Amino acid sequence: MRRAIAVAAGSVQTGDVPVGAVVYGPDGQELATGHNRREATGDPTAHAEVVALRAAAAVLGSWRLSGCTLVVTLEPCTMCAGALVLARVQRLVFGAWEPKTGAVGSLWDVVRDRRLNHRPEVHSGVLEAECAALVRDFLSGLRDPGGGDRAVGTGLAGDGDRRADR
């Protein structure tokens, strides 16, 4: 997770929400990294997870990431959760819960849906407070001097709350 936190810093340089992702191969070697690039590229699918999954697939020469682990600082959204299921990622490790858009237990639980043909192993809440602080600190920097918000807060868990439904 420390590596994903370091990768997340690249998002801030482009004005994107700081989320970092790392894909490790079956042997534990780092295959690829990604950070949010939606603002930088104007691509609505350029979430950290999708960027990292695309890069890992290019390294392996296959869309099937069987045996791979995806480590990401924030709970994946529906798009990213769907992408990791479709890529056959074996294991997902994430840091902070995202109760407004999370799709690995907070708002939805895409990765554990028994109707799907693949369900990755999930490890959640790894360095949760640190990962939540990345996003919280970024968003607090977007508040204007008059006290109003220019950005919508995420409602991130990280202070004891694990999921929106608890």
N, C-alpha and C. Protein backbone atom coordinates (compact mmCIF):
# COMPACT_ATOMS: atom_id res chain seq x y z
N MET A 1 0.83 -1.20 0.00
CA MET A 1 0.00 0.00 0.00
C MET A 1 0.87 1.25 0.00
N ARG A 2 2.01 1.19 0.63
CA ARG A 2 2.88 2.37 0.65
C ARG A 2 3.27 2.78 -0.78
N ARG A 3 3.47 1.80 -1.64
CA ARG A 3 3.80 2.10 -3.04
C ARG A 3 2.63 2.81 -3.71
N ALA A 4 1.41 2.35 -3.49
CA ALA A 4 0.22 2.98 -4.08
C ALA A 4 0.05 4.40 -3.56
N ILE A 5 0.34 4.63 -2.29
CA ILE A 5 0.27 5.97 -1.72
C ILE A 5 1.26 6.89 -2.43
N ALA A 6 2.47 6.39 -2.66
CA ALA A 6 3.48 7.19 -3.37
C ALA A 6 3.03 7.49 -4.80
N VAL A 7 2.44 6.53 -5.46
CA VAL A 7 1.96 6.71 -6.84
C VAL A 7 0.85 7.76 -6.88
N ALA A 8 0.02 7.80 -5.85
CA ALA A 8 -1.11 8.75 -5.80
C ALA A 8 -0.64 10.19 -5.91
N ALA A 9 0.57 10.48 -5.47
CA ALA A 9 1.08 11.85 -5.53
C ALA A 9 1.09 12.40 -6.95
N GLY A 10 1.23 11.54 -7.94
CA GLY A 10 1.22 11.98 -9.34
C GLY A 10 -0.10 12.59 -9.75
N SER A 11 -1.17 12.22 -9.08
CA SER A 11 -2.50 12.76 -9.40
C SER A 11 -2.59 14.24 -9.08
N VAL A 12 -2.01 14.64 -7.97
CA VAL A 12 -2.11 16.02 -7.50
C VAL A 12 -1.45 16.96 -8.51
N GLN A 13 -0.37 16.53 -9.11
CA GLN A 13 0.34 17.37 -10.09
C GLN A 13 -0.53 17.70 -11.29
N THR A 14 -1.52 16.88 -11.57
CA THR A 14 -2.39 17.11 -12.73
C THR A 14 -3.76 17.65 -12.31
N GLY A 15 -3.93 17.92 -11.01
CA GLY A 15 -5.21 18.43 -10.53
C GLY A 15 -6.26 17.36 -10.31
N ASP A 16 -5.83 16.12 -10.34
CA ASP A 16 -6.75 14.99 -10.13
C ASP A 16 -6.78 14.59 -8.66
N VAL A 17 -7.87 13.97 -8.25
CA VAL A 17 -7.99 13.45 -6.89
C VAL A 17 -6.89 12.40 -6.70
N PRO A 18 -6.11 12.49 -5.61
CA PRO A 18 -4.97 11.59 -5.42
C PRO A 18 -5.36 10.16 -5.05
N VAL A 19 -5.45 9.34 -6.07
CA VAL A 19 -5.68 7.91 -5.90
C VAL A 19 -4.57 7.22 -6.67
N GLY A 20 -3.93 6.24 -6.04
CA GLY A 20 -2.86 5.49 -6.68
C GLY A 20 -3.16 4.01 -6.70
N ALA A 21 -2.69 3.33 -7.75
CA ALA A 21 -2.91 1.89 -7.89
C ALA A 21 -1.64 1.22 -8.39
N VAL A 22 -1.43 0.00 -7.94
CA VAL A 22 -0.28 -0.80 -8.37
C VAL A 22 -0.78 -2.20 -8.67
N VAL A 23 -0.33 -2.77 -9.78
CA VAL A 23 -0.64 -4.16 -10.11
C VAL A 23 0.63 -4.97 -9.93
N TYR A 24 0.51 -6.04 -9.14
CA TYR A 24 1.62 -6.96 -8.92
C TYR A 24 1.30 -8.27 -9.63
N GLY A 25 2.31 -8.86 -10.23
CA GLY A 25 2.15 -10.13 -10.92
C GLY A 25 2.02 -11.27 -9.94
N PRO A 26 1.75 -12.47 -10.45
CA PRO A 26 1.62 -13.65 -9.59
C PRO A 26 2.87 -13.92 -8.75
N ASP A 27 4.03 -13.47 -9.25
CA ASP A 27 5.29 -13.66 -8.53
C ASP A 27 5.58 -12.54 -7.54
N GLY A 28 4.67 -11.56 -7.43
CA GLY A 28 4.86 -10.46 -6.50
C GLY A 28 5.62 -9.28 -7.06
N GLN A 29 6.07 -9.39 -8.30
CA GLN A 29 6.80 -8.29 -8.93
C GLN A 29 5.83 -7.23 -9.42
N GLU A 30 6.22 -5.98 -9.26
CA GLU A 30 5.39 -4.87 -9.74
C GLU A 30 5.33 -4.90 -11.27
N LEU A 31 4.12 -4.90 -11.80
CA LEU A 31 3.92 -4.88 -13.25
C LEU A 31 3.63 -3.48 -13.77
N ALA A 32 2.80 -2.74 -13.03
CA ALA A 32 2.36 -1.44 -13.53
C ALA A 32 1.78 -0.60 -12.39
N THR A 33 1.77 0.70 -12.63
CA THR A 33 1.15 1.63 -11.68
C THR A 33 0.21 2.55 -12.44
N GLY A 34 -0.64 3.22 -11.70
CA GLY A 34 -1.52 4.21 -12.30
C GLY A 34 -2.03 5.15 -11.23
N HIS A 35 -2.27 6.37 -11.62
CA HIS A 35 -2.92 7.34 -10.74
C HIS A 35 -4.01 8.02 -11.54
N ASN A 36 -4.94 8.64 -10.84
CA ASN A 36 -6.04 9.31 -11.52
C ASN A 36 -5.51 10.30 -12.56
N ARG A 37 -6.13 10.28 -13.74
CA ARG A 37 -5.72 11.17 -14.83
C ARG A 37 -6.93 11.75 -15.58
N ARG A 38 -8.08 11.74 -14.94
CA ARG A 38 -9.29 12.26 -15.61
C ARG A 38 -9.14 13.72 -15.99
N GLU A 39 -8.71 14.55 -15.06
CA GLU A 39 -8.55 15.98 -15.35
C GLU A 39 -7.44 16.19 -16.36
N ALA A 40 -6.36 15.46 -16.22
CA ALA A 40 -5.20 15.63 -17.10
C ALA A 40 -5.51 15.24 -18.54
N THR A 41 -6.35 14.23 -18.73
CA THR A 41 -6.60 13.70 -20.07
C THR A 41 -7.99 14.00 -20.61
N GLY A 42 -8.89 14.41 -19.75
CA GLY A 42 -10.28 14.60 -20.18
C GLY A 42 -10.98 13.28 -20.45
N ASP A 43 -10.42 12.20 -19.95
CA ASP A 43 -10.95 10.85 -20.15
C ASP A 43 -11.69 10.42 -18.88
N PRO A 44 -13.00 10.24 -18.95
CA PRO A 44 -13.75 9.86 -17.75
C PRO A 44 -13.41 8.48 -17.21
N THR A 45 -12.74 7.65 -18.01
CA THR A 45 -12.36 6.32 -17.54
C THR A 45 -10.94 6.27 -16.99
N ALA A 46 -10.25 7.38 -16.92
CA ALA A 46 -8.85 7.39 -16.49
C ALA A 46 -8.72 7.40 -14.97
N HIS A 47 -9.39 6.46 -14.33
CA HIS A 47 -9.22 6.26 -12.89
C HIS A 47 -7.92 5.49 -12.68
N ALA A 48 -7.34 5.62 -11.50
CA ALA A 48 -6.07 4.97 -11.19
C ALA A 48 -6.08 3.48 -11.50
N GLU A 49 -7.17 2.80 -11.12
CA GLU A 49 -7.25 1.35 -11.32
C GLU A 49 -7.24 0.99 -12.80
N VAL A 50 -8.02 1.70 -13.59
CA VAL A 50 -8.11 1.41 -15.02
C VAL A 50 -6.77 1.69 -15.70
N VAL A 51 -6.13 2.80 -15.33
CA VAL A 51 -4.81 3.13 -15.89
C VAL A 51 -3.82 2.00 -15.57
N ALA A 52 -3.81 1.54 -14.32
CA ALA A 52 -2.88 0.47 -13.92
C ALA A 52 -3.22 -0.86 -14.58
N LEU A 53 -4.50 -1.20 -14.67
CA LEU A 53 -4.90 -2.46 -15.31
C LEU A 53 -4.52 -2.47 -16.79
N ARG A 54 -4.74 -1.35 -17.48
CA ARG A 54 -4.36 -1.26 -18.90
C ARG A 54 -2.86 -1.44 -19.07
N ALA A 55 -2.09 -0.79 -18.22
CA ALA A 55 -0.63 -0.90 -18.31
C ALA A 55 -0.15 -2.32 -18.01
N ALA A 56 -0.75 -2.96 -17.01
CA ALA A 56 -0.37 -4.34 -16.67
C ALA A 56 -0.71 -5.29 -17.81
N ALA A 57 -1.87 -5.10 -18.42
CA ALA A 57 -2.26 -5.94 -19.56
C ALA A 57 -1.27 -5.77 -20.71
N ALA A 58 -0.80 -4.55 -20.92
CA ALA A 58 0.19 -4.31 -21.97
C ALA A 58 1.51 -5.01 -21.66
N VAL A 59 1.92 -4.98 -20.40
CA VAL A 59 3.16 -5.65 -20.00
C VAL A 59 3.05 -7.16 -20.21
N LEU A 60 1.92 -7.73 -19.82
CA LEU A 60 1.72 -9.18 -19.94
C LEU A 60 1.32 -9.62 -21.34
N GLY A 61 0.86 -8.68 -22.14
CA GLY A 61 0.40 -9.02 -23.48
C GLY A 61 -0.92 -9.77 -23.47
N SER A 62 -1.70 -9.56 -22.42
CA SER A 62 -2.99 -10.23 -22.28
C SER A 62 -3.90 -9.43 -21.38
N TRP A 63 -5.19 -9.45 -21.68
CA TRP A 63 -6.15 -8.77 -20.81
C TRP A 63 -6.42 -9.57 -19.55
N ARG A 64 -6.08 -10.85 -19.57
CA ARG A 64 -6.30 -11.70 -18.40
C ARG A 64 -5.18 -11.49 -17.39
N LEU A 65 -5.54 -10.95 -16.26
CA LEU A 65 -4.56 -10.69 -15.21
C LEU A 65 -4.70 -11.71 -14.08
N SER A 66 -4.91 -12.95 -14.47
CA SER A 66 -5.05 -14.06 -13.51
C SER A 66 -3.82 -14.13 -12.63
N GLY A 67 -4.04 -14.29 -11.34
CA GLY A 67 -2.94 -14.41 -10.40
C GLY A 67 -2.38 -13.07 -9.94
N CYS A 68 -2.85 -11.98 -10.53
CA CYS A 68 -2.35 -10.65 -10.18
C CYS A 68 -3.10 -10.05 -9.00
N THR A 69 -2.44 -9.09 -8.36
CA THR A 69 -3.01 -8.36 -7.24
C THR A 69 -3.07 -6.88 -7.61
N LEU A 70 -4.22 -6.27 -7.36
CA LEU A 70 -4.38 -4.83 -7.55
C LEU A 70 -4.43 -4.19 -6.17
N VAL A 71 -3.52 -3.25 -5.92
CA VAL A 71 -3.48 -2.51 -4.67
C VAL A 71 -3.85 -1.07 -4.99
N VAL A 72 -4.85 -0.52 -4.31
CA VAL A 72 -5.33 0.83 -4.61
C VAL A 72 -5.67 1.55 -3.31
N THR A 73 -5.43 2.84 -3.29
CA THR A 73 -5.61 3.62 -2.06
C THR A 73 -7.06 3.87 -1.68
N LEU A 74 -7.98 3.77 -2.63
CA LEU A 74 -9.39 4.06 -2.37
C LEU A 74 -10.27 2.93 -2.91
N GLU A 75 -11.33 2.62 -2.20
CA GLU A 75 -12.27 1.60 -2.64
C GLU A 75 -12.71 1.87 -4.08
N PRO A 76 -12.60 0.89 -4.97
CA PRO A 76 -12.99 1.09 -6.37
C PRO A 76 -14.48 1.43 -6.55
N CYS A 77 -14.73 2.23 -7.59
CA CYS A 77 -16.10 2.56 -8.00
C CYS A 77 -16.66 1.40 -8.83
N THR A 78 -17.88 1.54 -9.31
CA THR A 78 -18.49 0.46 -10.10
C THR A 78 -17.69 0.16 -11.36
N MET A 79 -17.22 1.19 -12.06
CA MET A 79 -16.46 0.96 -13.29
C MET A 79 -15.18 0.18 -12.99
N CYS A 80 -14.45 0.62 -11.97
CA CYS A 80 -13.17 -0.01 -11.66
C CYS A 80 -13.35 -1.41 -11.08
N ALA A 81 -14.38 -1.59 -10.26
CA ALA A 81 -14.67 -2.92 -9.73
C ALA A 81 -15.03 -3.87 -10.87
N GLY A 82 -15.83 -3.39 -11.81
CA GLY A 82 -16.17 -4.21 -12.97
C GLY A 82 -14.95 -4.54 -13.80
N ALA A 83 -14.06 -3.57 -13.98
CA ALA A 83 -12.85 -3.81 -14.77
C ALA A 83 -11.96 -4.86 -14.13
N LEU A 84 -11.82 -4.82 -12.81
CA LEU A 84 -10.93 -5.81 -12.18
C LEU A 84 -11.56 -7.20 -12.20
N VAL A 85 -12.88 -7.28 -12.14
CA VAL A 85 -13.55 -8.57 -12.28
C VAL A 85 -13.34 -9.10 -13.70
N LEU A 86 -13.57 -8.24 -14.70
CA LEU A 86 -13.42 -8.67 -16.10
C LEU A 86 -11.99 -9.03 -16.45
N ALA A 87 -11.02 -8.40 -15.78
CA ALA A 87 -9.61 -8.71 -16.02
C ALA A 87 -9.15 -9.96 -15.27
N ARG A 88 -10.03 -10.52 -14.46
CA ARG A 88 -9.75 -11.74 -13.69
C ARG A 88 -8.64 -11.53 -12.64
N VAL A 89 -8.56 -10.31 -12.09
CA VAL A 89 -7.60 -10.03 -11.02
C VAL A 89 -7.91 -10.97 -9.86
N GLN A 90 -6.88 -11.60 -9.31
CA GLN A 90 -7.08 -12.58 -8.25
C GLN A 90 -7.37 -11.92 -6.90
N ARG A 91 -6.68 -10.81 -6.64
CA ARG A 91 -6.76 -10.21 -5.31
C ARG A 91 -6.83 -8.69 -5.42
N LEU A 92 -7.70 -8.11 -4.61
CA LEU A 92 -7.82 -6.66 -4.50
C LEU A 92 -7.48 -6.26 -3.08
N VAL A 93 -6.60 -5.27 -2.94
CA VAL A 93 -6.24 -4.71 -1.65
C VAL A 93 -6.53 -3.21 -1.75
N PHE A 94 -7.36 -2.69 -0.85
CA PHE A 94 -7.58 -1.24 -0.90
C PHE A 94 -7.50 -0.62 0.49
N GLY A 95 -7.29 0.69 0.49
CA GLY A 95 -7.11 1.43 1.74
C GLY A 95 -8.39 1.99 2.29
N ALA A 96 -8.78 3.18 1.84
CA ALA A 96 -9.94 3.89 2.40
C ALA A 96 -11.24 3.44 1.76
N TRP A 97 -12.27 3.37 2.58
CA TRP A 97 -13.63 3.10 2.09
C TRP A 97 -14.16 4.37 1.45
N GLU A 98 -15.01 4.23 0.43
CA GLU A 98 -15.61 5.38 -0.26
C GLU A 98 -17.13 5.21 -0.23
N PRO A 99 -17.79 5.70 0.84
CA PRO A 99 -19.22 5.45 1.00
C PRO A 99 -20.13 6.08 -0.05
N LYS A 100 -19.64 7.06 -0.80
CA LYS A 100 -20.50 7.68 -1.82
C LYS A 100 -20.48 6.97 -3.16
N THR A 101 -19.35 6.33 -3.50
CA THR A 101 -19.26 5.67 -4.81
C THR A 101 -18.64 4.28 -4.75
N GLY A 102 -18.28 3.80 -3.58
CA GLY A 102 -17.59 2.53 -3.45
C GLY A 102 -18.42 1.34 -3.90
N ALA A 103 -17.78 0.44 -4.63
CA ALA A 103 -18.48 -0.73 -5.17
C ALA A 103 -17.85 -2.04 -4.71
N VAL A 104 -17.20 -2.00 -3.54
CA VAL A 104 -16.62 -3.21 -2.97
C VAL A 104 -17.10 -3.34 -1.52
N GLY A 105 -18.35 -2.95 -1.31
CA GLY A 105 -18.95 -3.12 0.00
C GLY A 105 -19.62 -1.89 0.57
N SER A 106 -19.23 -0.70 0.15
CA SER A 106 -19.84 0.51 0.72
C SER A 106 -21.23 0.77 0.17
N LEU A 107 -21.30 1.11 -1.10
CA LEU A 107 -22.58 1.42 -1.72
C LEU A 107 -23.10 0.21 -2.49
N TRP A 108 -22.22 -0.44 -3.20
CA TRP A 108 -22.52 -1.67 -3.93
C TRP A 108 -21.45 -2.69 -3.56
N ASP A 109 -21.62 -3.93 -4.01
CA ASP A 109 -20.59 -4.94 -3.81
C ASP A 109 -20.44 -5.76 -5.09
N VAL A 110 -19.93 -5.11 -6.09
CA VAL A 110 -19.77 -5.71 -7.42
C VAL A 110 -18.89 -6.95 -7.37
N VAL A 111 -17.78 -6.87 -6.66
CA VAL A 111 -16.79 -7.96 -6.71
C VAL A 111 -17.24 -9.25 -6.03
N ARG A 112 -18.25 -9.16 -5.19
CA ARG A 112 -18.73 -10.38 -4.51
C ARG A 112 -20.07 -10.87 -5.05
N ASP A 113 -20.52 -10.28 -6.13
CA ASP A 113 -21.81 -10.65 -6.73
C ASP A 113 -21.71 -12.08 -7.27
N ARG A 114 -22.50 -12.97 -6.72
CA ARG A 114 -22.44 -14.39 -7.10
C ARG A 114 -22.89 -14.65 -8.53
N ARG A 115 -23.53 -13.68 -9.13
CA ARG A 115 -23.96 -13.85 -10.53
C ARG A 115 -22.81 -13.71 -11.51
N LEU A 116 -21.70 -13.17 -11.06
CA LEU A 116 -20.55 -12.99 -11.94
C LEU A 116 -19.68 -14.24 -11.94
N ASN A 117 -18.93 -14.41 -13.02
CA ASN A 117 -18.12 -15.62 -13.16
C ASN A 117 -16.76 -15.53 -12.47
N HIS A 118 -16.43 -14.38 -11.90
CA HIS A 118 -15.16 -14.23 -11.21
C HIS A 118 -15.36 -13.33 -9.99
N ARG A 119 -14.80 -13.74 -8.87
CA ARG A 119 -14.87 -12.94 -7.65
C ARG A 119 -13.49 -12.92 -7.00
N PRO A 120 -12.84 -11.77 -7.03
CA PRO A 120 -11.50 -11.69 -6.43
C PRO A 120 -11.55 -11.73 -4.90
N GLU A 121 -10.45 -12.14 -4.34
CA GLU A 121 -10.25 -12.07 -2.89
C GLU A 121 -10.09 -10.58 -2.55
N VAL A 122 -10.65 -10.13 -1.44
CA VAL A 122 -10.60 -8.71 -1.08
C VAL A 122 -10.00 -8.52 0.31
N HIS A 123 -9.07 -7.57 0.40
CA HIS A 123 -8.49 -7.14 1.67
C HIS A 123 -8.71 -5.63 1.74
N SER A 124 -9.47 -5.19 2.73
CA SER A 124 -9.86 -3.78 2.81
C SER A 124 -9.31 -3.10 4.05
N GLY A 125 -9.29 -1.77 4.00
CA GLY A 125 -8.89 -0.98 5.16
C GLY A 125 -7.40 -0.98 5.45
N VAL A 126 -6.57 -1.31 4.47
CA VAL A 126 -5.12 -1.33 4.67
C VAL A 126 -4.59 0.11 4.67
N LEU A 127 -3.96 0.51 5.75
CA LEU A 127 -3.51 1.90 5.94
C LEU A 127 -4.64 2.87 5.64
N GLU A 128 -5.81 2.52 6.12
CA GLU A 128 -7.04 3.26 5.83
C GLU A 128 -6.96 4.75 6.14
N ALA A 129 -6.49 5.10 7.34
CA ALA A 129 -6.45 6.51 7.74
C ALA A 129 -5.52 7.31 6.84
N GLU A 130 -4.38 6.73 6.50
CA GLU A 130 -3.44 7.42 5.60
C GLU A 130 -4.04 7.63 4.22
N CYS A 131 -4.67 6.61 3.71
CA CYS A 131 -5.27 6.69 2.38
C CYS A 131 -6.43 7.69 2.35
N ALA A 132 -7.24 7.70 3.39
CA ALA A 132 -8.35 8.66 3.46
C ALA A 132 -7.82 10.08 3.57
N ALA A 133 -6.72 10.26 4.30
CA ALA A 133 -6.14 11.59 4.47
C ALA A 133 -5.66 12.17 3.14
N LEU A 134 -5.18 11.32 2.23
CA LEU A 134 -4.74 11.81 0.91
C LEU A 134 -5.87 12.58 0.23
N VAL A 135 -7.04 11.97 0.17
CA VAL A 135 -8.18 12.58 -0.51
C VAL A 135 -8.72 13.75 0.30
N ARG A 136 -8.83 13.56 1.60
CA ARG A 136 -9.37 14.61 2.46
C ARG A 136 -8.51 15.87 2.39
N ASP A 137 -7.19 15.70 2.44
CA ASP A 137 -6.29 16.86 2.38
C ASP A 137 -6.38 17.55 1.02
N PHE A 138 -6.47 16.76 -0.04
CA PHE A 138 -6.61 17.34 -1.38
C PHE A 138 -7.88 18.17 -1.47
N LEU A 139 -8.99 17.61 -1.03
CA LEU A 139 -10.27 18.31 -1.12
C LEU A 139 -10.31 19.55 -0.23
N SER A 140 -9.65 19.49 0.92
CA SER A 140 -9.64 20.67 1.79
C SER A 140 -8.87 21.81 1.13
N GLY A 141 -7.92 21.49 0.28
CA GLY A 141 -7.18 22.51 -0.47
C GLY A 141 -8.01 23.16 -1.56
N LEU A 142 -9.15 22.57 -1.90
CA LEU A 142 -10.02 23.13 -2.93
C LEU A 142 -11.07 24.07 -2.34
N ARG A 143 -11.12 24.18 -1.03
CA ARG A 143 -12.11 25.06 -0.41
C ARG A 143 -11.69 26.51 -0.63
N ASP A 144 -12.64 27.36 -0.93
CA ASP A 144 -12.29 28.75 -1.21
C ASP A 144 -12.14 29.54 0.09
N PRO A 145 -11.44 30.67 0.04
CA PRO A 145 -11.16 31.44 1.25
C PRO A 145 -12.43 31.93 1.97
N GLY A 146 -13.54 32.05 1.26
CA GLY A 146 -14.77 32.51 1.87
C GLY A 146 -15.48 31.44 2.69
N GLY A 147 -14.93 30.25 2.73
CA GLY A 147 -15.50 29.18 3.53
C GLY A 147 -16.41 28.24 2.78
N GLY A 148 -16.75 28.58 1.54
CA GLY A 148 -17.60 27.70 0.74
C GLY A 148 -16.78 26.63 0.05
N ASP A 149 -17.42 25.58 -0.33
CA ASP A 149 -16.72 24.51 -1.04
C ASP A 149 -16.80 24.74 -2.53
N ARG A 150 -15.68 24.60 -3.20
CA ARG A 150 -15.67 24.59 -4.66
C ARG A 150 -15.73 23.16 -5.16
N ALA A 151 -15.48 22.23 -4.26
CA ALA A 151 -15.52 20.81 -4.63
C ALA A 151 -16.46 20.09 -3.68
N VAL A 152 -17.04 19.03 -4.14
CA VAL A 152 -17.92 18.23 -3.30
C VAL A 152 -17.06 17.26 -2.51
N GLY A 153 -17.27 17.19 -1.22
CA GLY A 153 -16.52 16.25 -0.39
C GLY A 153 -16.92 14.82 -0.70
N THR A 154 -16.06 13.88 -0.32
CA THR A 154 -16.34 12.49 -0.63
C THR A 154 -17.07 11.76 0.48
N GLY A 155 -17.03 12.30 1.70
CA GLY A 155 -17.65 11.56 2.80
C GLY A 155 -16.85 10.32 3.14
N LEU A 156 -15.55 10.36 2.89
CA LEU A 156 -14.70 9.19 3.09
C LEU A 156 -14.78 8.65 4.50
N ALA A 157 -14.76 7.36 4.58
CA ALA A 157 -14.60 6.71 5.87
C ALA A 157 -13.13 6.82 6.23
N GLY A 158 -12.76 6.42 7.38
CA GLY A 158 -11.36 6.48 7.78
C GLY A 158 -11.23 6.89 9.23
N ASP A 159 -12.31 7.27 9.83
CA ASP A 159 -12.31 7.66 11.23
C ASP A 159 -13.15 6.68 12.04
N GLY A 160 -13.04 5.42 11.71
CA GLY A 160 -13.80 4.40 12.41
C GLY A 160 -14.95 3.85 11.60
N ASP A 161 -15.57 4.68 10.75
CA ASP A 161 -16.65 4.17 9.89
C ASP A 161 -16.03 3.29 8.82
N ARG A 162 -16.58 2.13 8.61
CA ARG A 162 -16.06 1.23 7.60
C ARG A 162 -16.91 1.25 6.34
N ARG A 163 -18.22 1.33 6.51
CA ARG A 163 -19.10 1.28 5.35
C ARG A 163 -20.30 2.17 5.61
N ALA A 164 -20.88 2.63 4.54
CA ALA A 164 -22.02 3.53 4.66
C ALA A 164 -23.23 2.83 5.27
N ASP A 165 -23.31 1.53 5.11
CA ASP A 165 -24.50 0.81 5.58
C ASP A 165 -24.34 0.30 7.01
N ARG A 166 -23.33 0.72 7.70
CA ARG A 166 -23.15 0.27 9.08
C ARG A 166 -23.51 1.37 10.04
